[in-house]
């Protein structure tokens, strides 16, 4: 989550004065309104969307029948990643768990951060080798109180410290670069990524968000290697060139707090967008009656298949 800003109806580049009108319209997928929708990921093996409400729910949405199954959990939920037909992996308030989608039972795996009760797990994704990269955040968003970890199914390792809110983990098409956001910094970072060893190095800032675009929340990569980012507090999603820092496209969303994005559908040509109904100023709420809904749009480009959790 991030700060609250307004968003214009045009797209512009950080590096030029280019502007263009965007006419792409997003549509609600379901009438259901989440409190803080987050973490969408397309489970392509089973043609379904996994997503969460951070306040304590895991959802399995199946477009073929329109069913959005909800599994309620009595803990905060930070992220969900696919593992098998019946099992997913979730990062909850106090650690990483397997969740059986049929029995709804949880099986504890690891607590990389230890017993820091003031922190909770937030956004994360798996790399091409099935390792889960996941960050934490302070319960009250206090700065520099959290960390970023990698978990291989058995062991975990801290890879970044003094983090505020880890969000948006993605990899370049050749798996040589990892993209990552510590949301309040307004920066998107790139790291050299060692796919075999699961190590990152050579951090550099590649994109800086202007104030009118809110703060960078969840992200995903498309088949052209461009980065899509959810703009919390700015009622839009944006597409960026991670090599040049150029803003390529902006799509308006009828929710102020846009939290995450994921390509899905059988052809991976649909962009699913999660939003939040929580954390809106009272004077803004009436302007966004659909805030908290799950949306979808066809942005004209396809995504890439997700990575699954692996236990070695």
Protein backbone atom coordinates (compact mmCIF):
# COMPACT_ATOMS: atom_id res chain seq x y z
CA UNK A 1 0.00 0.00 0.00
CA UNK A 2 1.13 3.57 -0.45
CA UNK A 3 0.29 7.23 -0.32
CA UNK A 4 -2.76 8.90 -1.82
CA UNK A 5 -2.44 10.97 -4.97
CA UNK A 6 -4.61 11.88 -7.96
CA UNK A 7 -4.10 10.48 -11.45
CA UNK A 8 -4.62 12.21 -14.79
CA UNK A 9 -6.26 10.73 -17.88
CA UNK A 10 -3.10 10.81 -19.99
CA UNK A 11 0.13 8.90 -20.05
CA UNK A 12 3.47 10.65 -19.86
CA UNK A 13 7.13 9.69 -19.74
CA UNK A 14 9.63 10.53 -17.01
CA UNK A 15 12.17 11.17 -19.75
CA UNK A 16 10.13 13.14 -22.29
CA UNK A 17 7.08 15.34 -22.74
CA UNK A 18 5.20 12.64 -24.62
CA UNK A 19 1.49 12.39 -23.81
CA UNK A 20 -1.23 10.24 -25.29
CA UNK A 21 -4.86 9.51 -24.54
CA UNK A 22 -5.68 6.06 -23.17
CA UNK A 23 -9.11 4.64 -24.01
CA UNK A 24 -8.70 1.12 -22.62
CA UNK A 25 -11.55 0.35 -20.21
CA UNK A 26 -11.31 -2.09 -17.32
CA UNK A 27 -14.29 -4.22 -16.31
CA UNK A 28 -15.21 -5.71 -12.92
CA UNK A 29 -14.89 -9.49 -12.84
CA UNK A 30 -17.14 -10.04 -9.83
CA UNK A 31 -19.60 -8.00 -7.75
CA UNK A 32 -17.63 -9.01 -4.65
CA UNK A 33 -15.79 -6.17 -2.87
CA UNK A 34 -12.63 -7.05 -0.95
CA UNK A 35 -11.16 -4.99 1.84
CA UNK A 36 -7.59 -5.09 0.53
CA UNK A 37 -7.48 -7.23 -2.61
CA UNK A 38 -3.91 -8.26 -3.45
CA UNK A 39 -1.51 -10.80 -4.91
CA UNK A 40 -3.22 -12.06 -8.10
CA UNK A 41 -1.38 -14.84 -9.91
CA UNK A 42 -2.65 -16.96 -12.81
CA UNK A 43 -2.35 -20.67 -12.06
CA UNK A 44 -2.09 -21.63 -15.73
CA UNK A 45 -2.00 -25.40 -15.15
CA UNK A 46 -5.57 -25.24 -13.85
CA UNK A 47 -6.86 -22.09 -15.58
CA UNK A 48 -7.68 -20.20 -12.41
CA UNK A 49 -6.70 -17.01 -10.65
CA UNK A 50 -5.33 -17.12 -7.13
CA UNK A 51 -5.65 -13.89 -5.16
CA UNK A 52 -6.09 -12.67 -1.60
CA UNK A 53 -7.69 -10.19 0.74
CA UNK A 54 -4.85 -9.27 3.09
CA UNK A 55 -7.35 -9.04 5.94
CA UNK A 56 -7.71 -12.82 6.01
CA UNK A 57 -8.92 -14.54 2.83
CA UNK A 58 -7.50 -16.60 -0.02
CA UNK A 59 -9.57 -16.73 -3.23
CA UNK A 60 -9.62 -19.18 -6.14
CA UNK A 61 -11.43 -17.63 -9.11
CA UNK A 62 -12.30 -19.95 -12.02
CA UNK A 63 -13.42 -18.00 -15.10
CA UNK A 64 -14.95 -21.07 -16.80
CA UNK A 65 -17.73 -21.28 -14.20
CA UNK A 66 -17.51 -17.83 -12.61
CA UNK A 67 -16.96 -19.27 -9.13
CA UNK A 68 -14.78 -17.34 -6.70
CA UNK A 69 -14.09 -19.72 -3.81
CA UNK A 70 -13.09 -18.05 -0.55
CA UNK A 71 -10.99 -19.67 2.15
CA UNK A 72 -11.07 -17.62 5.33
CA UNK A 73 -7.96 -17.54 7.48
CA UNK A 74 -7.75 -16.06 10.96
CA UNK A 75 -4.49 -14.26 10.17
CA UNK A 76 -3.34 -11.48 7.87
CA UNK A 77 -2.34 -12.78 4.42
CA UNK A 78 0.60 -11.31 2.51
CA UNK A 79 0.82 -13.40 -0.64
CA UNK A 80 -0.21 -16.65 -2.33
CA UNK A 81 1.77 -18.69 -4.88
CA UNK A 82 0.75 -21.89 -6.69
CA UNK A 83 2.21 -25.30 -5.92
CA UNK A 84 -0.22 -28.05 -7.04
CA UNK A 85 -3.89 -28.55 -7.87
CA UNK A 86 -4.84 -28.99 -4.22
CA UNK A 87 -2.15 -26.94 -2.49
CA UNK A 88 -0.83 -23.39 -2.54
CA UNK A 89 1.80 -21.64 -0.45
CA UNK A 90 0.85 -18.56 1.53
CA UNK A 91 2.77 -16.02 3.56
CA UNK A 92 0.69 -15.13 6.60
CA UNK A 93 1.18 -12.74 9.49
CA UNK A 94 3.59 -15.07 11.28
CA UNK A 95 5.22 -17.19 8.60
CA UNK A 96 5.05 -19.27 5.43
CA UNK A 97 2.53 -22.11 5.19
CA UNK A 98 1.12 -24.69 2.82
CA UNK A 99 -2.64 -24.34 2.42
CA UNK A 100 -4.74 -27.31 1.31
CA UNK A 101 -7.48 -25.92 -0.94
CA UNK A 102 -9.81 -28.84 -0.27
CA UNK A 103 -9.50 -29.30 3.49
CA UNK A 104 -8.53 -25.63 4.11
CA UNK A 105 -5.89 -26.83 6.55
CA UNK A 106 -2.60 -24.97 7.05
CA UNK A 107 0.81 -26.62 7.42
CA UNK A 108 3.60 -24.47 8.82
CA UNK A 109 6.81 -24.30 6.77
CA UNK A 110 9.03 -21.47 7.96
CA UNK A 111 9.25 -18.12 9.71
CA UNK A 112 12.29 -16.46 8.10
CA UNK A 113 11.97 -13.30 10.16
CA UNK A 114 11.68 -15.06 13.48
CA UNK A 115 9.36 -13.77 16.17
CA UNK A 116 9.12 -10.06 15.35
CA UNK A 117 5.49 -9.52 16.34
CA UNK A 118 5.42 -5.96 15.03
CA UNK A 119 6.04 -7.18 11.47
CA UNK A 120 3.94 -9.14 8.99
CA UNK A 121 4.70 -10.81 5.65
CA UNK A 122 3.73 -8.92 2.52
CA UNK A 123 4.16 -9.38 -1.23
CA UNK A 124 6.21 -12.17 -2.83
CA UNK A 125 6.62 -14.45 -5.85
CA UNK A 126 8.58 -17.52 -6.90
CA UNK A 127 11.56 -17.47 -9.23
CA UNK A 128 12.17 -19.91 -12.10
CA UNK A 129 13.71 -22.44 -9.70
CA UNK A 130 10.70 -22.43 -7.37
CA UNK A 131 12.19 -20.32 -4.58
CA UNK A 132 9.84 -17.90 -2.84
CA UNK A 133 11.04 -14.30 -2.53
CA UNK A 134 8.97 -12.54 0.10
CA UNK A 135 9.24 -9.39 2.18
CA UNK A 136 7.85 -8.11 5.44
CA UNK A 137 6.51 -4.78 6.66
CA UNK A 138 5.89 -3.16 10.03
CA UNK A 139 2.26 -3.38 11.18
CA UNK A 140 2.09 0.42 11.26
CA UNK A 141 4.24 0.97 8.16
CA UNK A 142 7.11 2.34 10.25
CA UNK A 143 10.10 2.92 7.96
CA UNK A 144 13.13 0.63 7.73
CA UNK A 145 11.76 -1.96 10.18
CA UNK A 146 11.38 -4.87 7.78
CA UNK A 147 13.36 -7.28 5.59
CA UNK A 148 13.30 -9.24 2.34
CA UNK A 149 13.93 -13.00 2.21
CA UNK A 150 14.33 -15.94 -0.13
CA UNK A 151 12.92 -19.35 0.91
CA UNK A 152 13.79 -22.51 -1.04
CA UNK A 153 11.28 -24.81 0.64
CA UNK A 154 13.70 -25.81 3.39
CA UNK A 155 15.96 -22.91 4.24
CA UNK A 156 15.54 -19.16 4.17
CA UNK A 157 18.02 -16.31 3.81
CA UNK A 158 17.74 -12.58 4.40
CA UNK A 159 18.72 -10.71 1.24
CA UNK A 160 17.75 -7.12 2.13
CA UNK A 161 17.28 -5.31 5.43
CA UNK A 162 16.02 -1.91 6.57
CA UNK A 163 13.08 -2.27 4.18
CA UNK A 164 9.76 -0.47 4.71
CA UNK A 165 7.21 -2.21 2.41
CA UNK A 166 8.38 -4.93 0.01
CA UNK A 167 6.21 -5.05 -3.10
CA UNK A 168 6.31 -6.11 -6.71
CA UNK A 169 8.78 -8.93 -7.37
CA UNK A 170 9.36 -9.87 -11.03
CA UNK A 171 12.09 -11.18 -13.31
CA UNK A 172 13.31 -10.26 -16.77
CA UNK A 173 12.57 -12.70 -19.59
CA UNK A 174 16.12 -14.08 -19.48
CA UNK A 175 16.04 -14.40 -15.67
CA UNK A 176 19.20 -12.32 -15.38
CA UNK A 177 17.49 -9.37 -13.65
CA UNK A 178 15.11 -9.17 -10.70
CA UNK A 179 12.80 -6.17 -10.27
CA UNK A 180 11.68 -5.10 -6.81
CA UNK A 181 9.99 -2.19 -5.06
CA UNK A 182 10.23 -0.80 -1.56
CA UNK A 183 7.00 1.14 -2.05
CA UNK A 184 7.51 4.34 -0.01
CA UNK A 185 10.79 5.08 -1.79
CA UNK A 186 8.80 5.58 -5.05
CA UNK A 187 11.59 3.65 -6.79
CA UNK A 188 11.68 0.47 -8.81
CA UNK A 189 14.98 -1.34 -8.25
CA UNK A 190 16.79 -3.80 -10.50
CA UNK A 191 19.30 -6.40 -9.34
CA UNK A 192 21.60 -8.73 -11.19
CA UNK A 193 20.04 -12.15 -10.58
CA UNK A 194 21.96 -15.41 -10.30
CA UNK A 195 19.30 -17.91 -11.31
CA UNK A 196 21.31 -20.97 -10.27
CA UNK A 197 22.36 -19.72 -6.84
CA UNK A 198 19.31 -17.59 -6.08
CA UNK A 199 21.37 -14.52 -5.28
CA UNK A 200 20.95 -10.81 -6.09
CA UNK A 201 23.59 -8.09 -6.46
CA UNK A 202 24.34 -4.71 -8.03
CA UNK A 203 21.20 -2.85 -6.98
CA UNK A 204 20.26 0.19 -9.06
CA UNK A 205 17.15 2.39 -9.29
CA UNK A 206 15.61 2.20 -12.77
CA UNK A 207 12.26 3.98 -12.38
CA UNK A 208 11.18 6.79 -10.05
CA UNK A 209 7.46 7.47 -9.66
CA UNK A 210 6.32 11.09 -10.06
CA UNK A 211 3.87 12.21 -7.37
CA UNK A 212 0.86 12.23 -9.69
CA UNK A 213 1.25 8.46 -10.20
CA UNK A 214 0.94 7.47 -6.55
CA UNK A 215 3.22 4.78 -5.19
CA UNK A 216 4.36 1.50 -6.84
CA UNK A 217 2.61 -1.59 -5.45
CA UNK A 218 2.44 -5.01 -7.13
CA UNK A 219 4.01 -5.67 -10.53
CA UNK A 220 4.30 -8.19 -13.35
CA UNK A 221 6.25 -8.63 -16.58
CA UNK A 222 4.81 -8.99 -20.09
CA UNK A 223 6.04 -11.03 -23.07
CA UNK A 224 7.94 -8.01 -24.41
CA UNK A 225 9.86 -7.66 -21.15
CA UNK A 226 8.02 -4.53 -20.08
CA UNK A 227 6.99 -3.96 -16.47
CA UNK A 228 3.37 -3.41 -15.41
CA UNK A 229 2.86 -1.74 -12.02
CA UNK A 230 -0.21 -1.13 -9.84
CA UNK A 231 -0.38 2.54 -8.83
CA UNK A 232 -1.62 2.71 -5.23
CA UNK A 233 -3.36 6.01 -4.54
CA UNK A 234 -3.57 6.97 -8.22
CA UNK A 235 -6.48 4.95 -9.70
CA UNK A 236 -4.45 3.40 -12.51
CA UNK A 237 -1.96 0.80 -13.68
CA UNK A 238 1.11 1.73 -15.70
CA UNK A 239 3.46 0.01 -18.14
CA UNK A 240 7.17 0.90 -18.09
CA UNK A 241 10.29 0.10 -20.04
CA UNK A 242 12.67 -1.18 -17.34
CA UNK A 243 15.68 -0.53 -19.58
CA UNK A 244 15.04 3.16 -20.17
CA UNK A 245 12.67 4.13 -17.32
CA UNK A 246 10.13 5.32 -19.90
CA UNK A 247 6.42 5.33 -19.11
CA UNK A 248 4.71 3.55 -22.01
CA UNK A 249 1.05 3.29 -21.06
CA UNK A 250 -1.43 4.20 -18.33
CA UNK A 251 -4.81 2.53 -17.86
CA UNK A 252 -7.35 4.13 -15.52
CA UNK A 253 -9.01 1.95 -12.89
CA UNK A 254 -12.23 2.89 -11.01
CA UNK A 255 -10.59 2.41 -7.62
CA UNK A 256 -8.21 4.81 -5.93
CA UNK A 257 -5.96 2.19 -4.35
CA UNK A 258 -4.80 -0.22 -7.03
CA UNK A 259 -2.74 -2.94 -5.41
CA UNK A 260 -1.49 -5.58 -7.86
CA UNK A 261 -1.63 -6.94 -11.42
CA UNK A 262 -1.28 -10.33 -13.15
CA UNK A 263 -1.69 -11.58 -16.69
CA UNK A 264 -4.12 -14.44 -17.02
CA UNK A 265 -6.67 -16.19 -19.17
CA UNK A 266 -5.96 -19.16 -21.43
CA UNK A 267 -3.97 -16.92 -23.78
CA UNK A 268 -2.40 -14.81 -21.03
CA UNK A 269 -3.83 -11.74 -22.76
CA UNK A 270 -5.98 -10.51 -19.88
CA UNK A 271 -4.60 -8.28 -17.14
CA UNK A 272 -6.25 -8.92 -13.77
CA UNK A 273 -6.15 -5.99 -11.36
CA UNK A 274 -6.80 -6.09 -7.60
CA UNK A 275 -7.91 -3.05 -5.61
CA UNK A 276 -8.72 -2.04 -2.04
CA UNK A 277 -11.83 -0.57 -0.45
CA UNK A 278 -9.88 0.19 2.74
CA UNK A 279 -7.51 3.12 3.31
CA UNK A 280 -9.51 5.77 1.45
CA UNK A 281 -10.13 9.25 2.80
CA UNK A 282 -13.82 9.88 3.47
CA UNK A 283 -13.98 12.58 0.81
CA UNK A 284 -12.71 10.10 -1.81
CA UNK A 285 -14.87 7.05 -1.03
CA UNK A 286 -18.01 8.27 -2.83
CA UNK A 287 -16.00 8.75 -6.04
CA UNK A 288 -14.96 5.07 -6.14
CA UNK A 289 -18.01 2.88 -5.40
CA UNK A 290 -16.33 -0.13 -7.07
CA UNK A 291 -13.15 0.09 -4.98
CA UNK A 292 -12.19 -3.34 -3.71
CA UNK A 293 -13.37 -5.20 -6.79
CA UNK A 294 -11.29 -7.48 -8.99
CA UNK A 295 -11.01 -6.01 -12.50
CA UNK A 296 -9.79 -7.24 -15.88
CA UNK A 297 -8.66 -5.56 -19.09
CA UNK A 298 -7.11 -6.66 -22.38
CA UNK A 299 -4.17 -4.27 -22.71
CA UNK A 300 -2.98 -5.44 -26.14
CA UNK A 301 0.01 -7.45 -24.95
CA UNK A 302 0.35 -10.89 -23.37
CA UNK A 303 2.02 -11.91 -20.16
CA UNK A 304 4.28 -14.86 -19.34
CA UNK A 305 3.59 -18.02 -17.36
CA UNK A 306 4.01 -17.81 -13.60
CA UNK A 307 6.55 -19.78 -11.55
CA UNK A 308 5.44 -22.46 -9.10
CA UNK A 309 6.76 -23.16 -5.63
CA UNK A 310 9.17 -26.10 -5.51
CA UNK A 311 10.30 -28.23 -2.57
CA UNK A 312 13.68 -29.80 -3.17
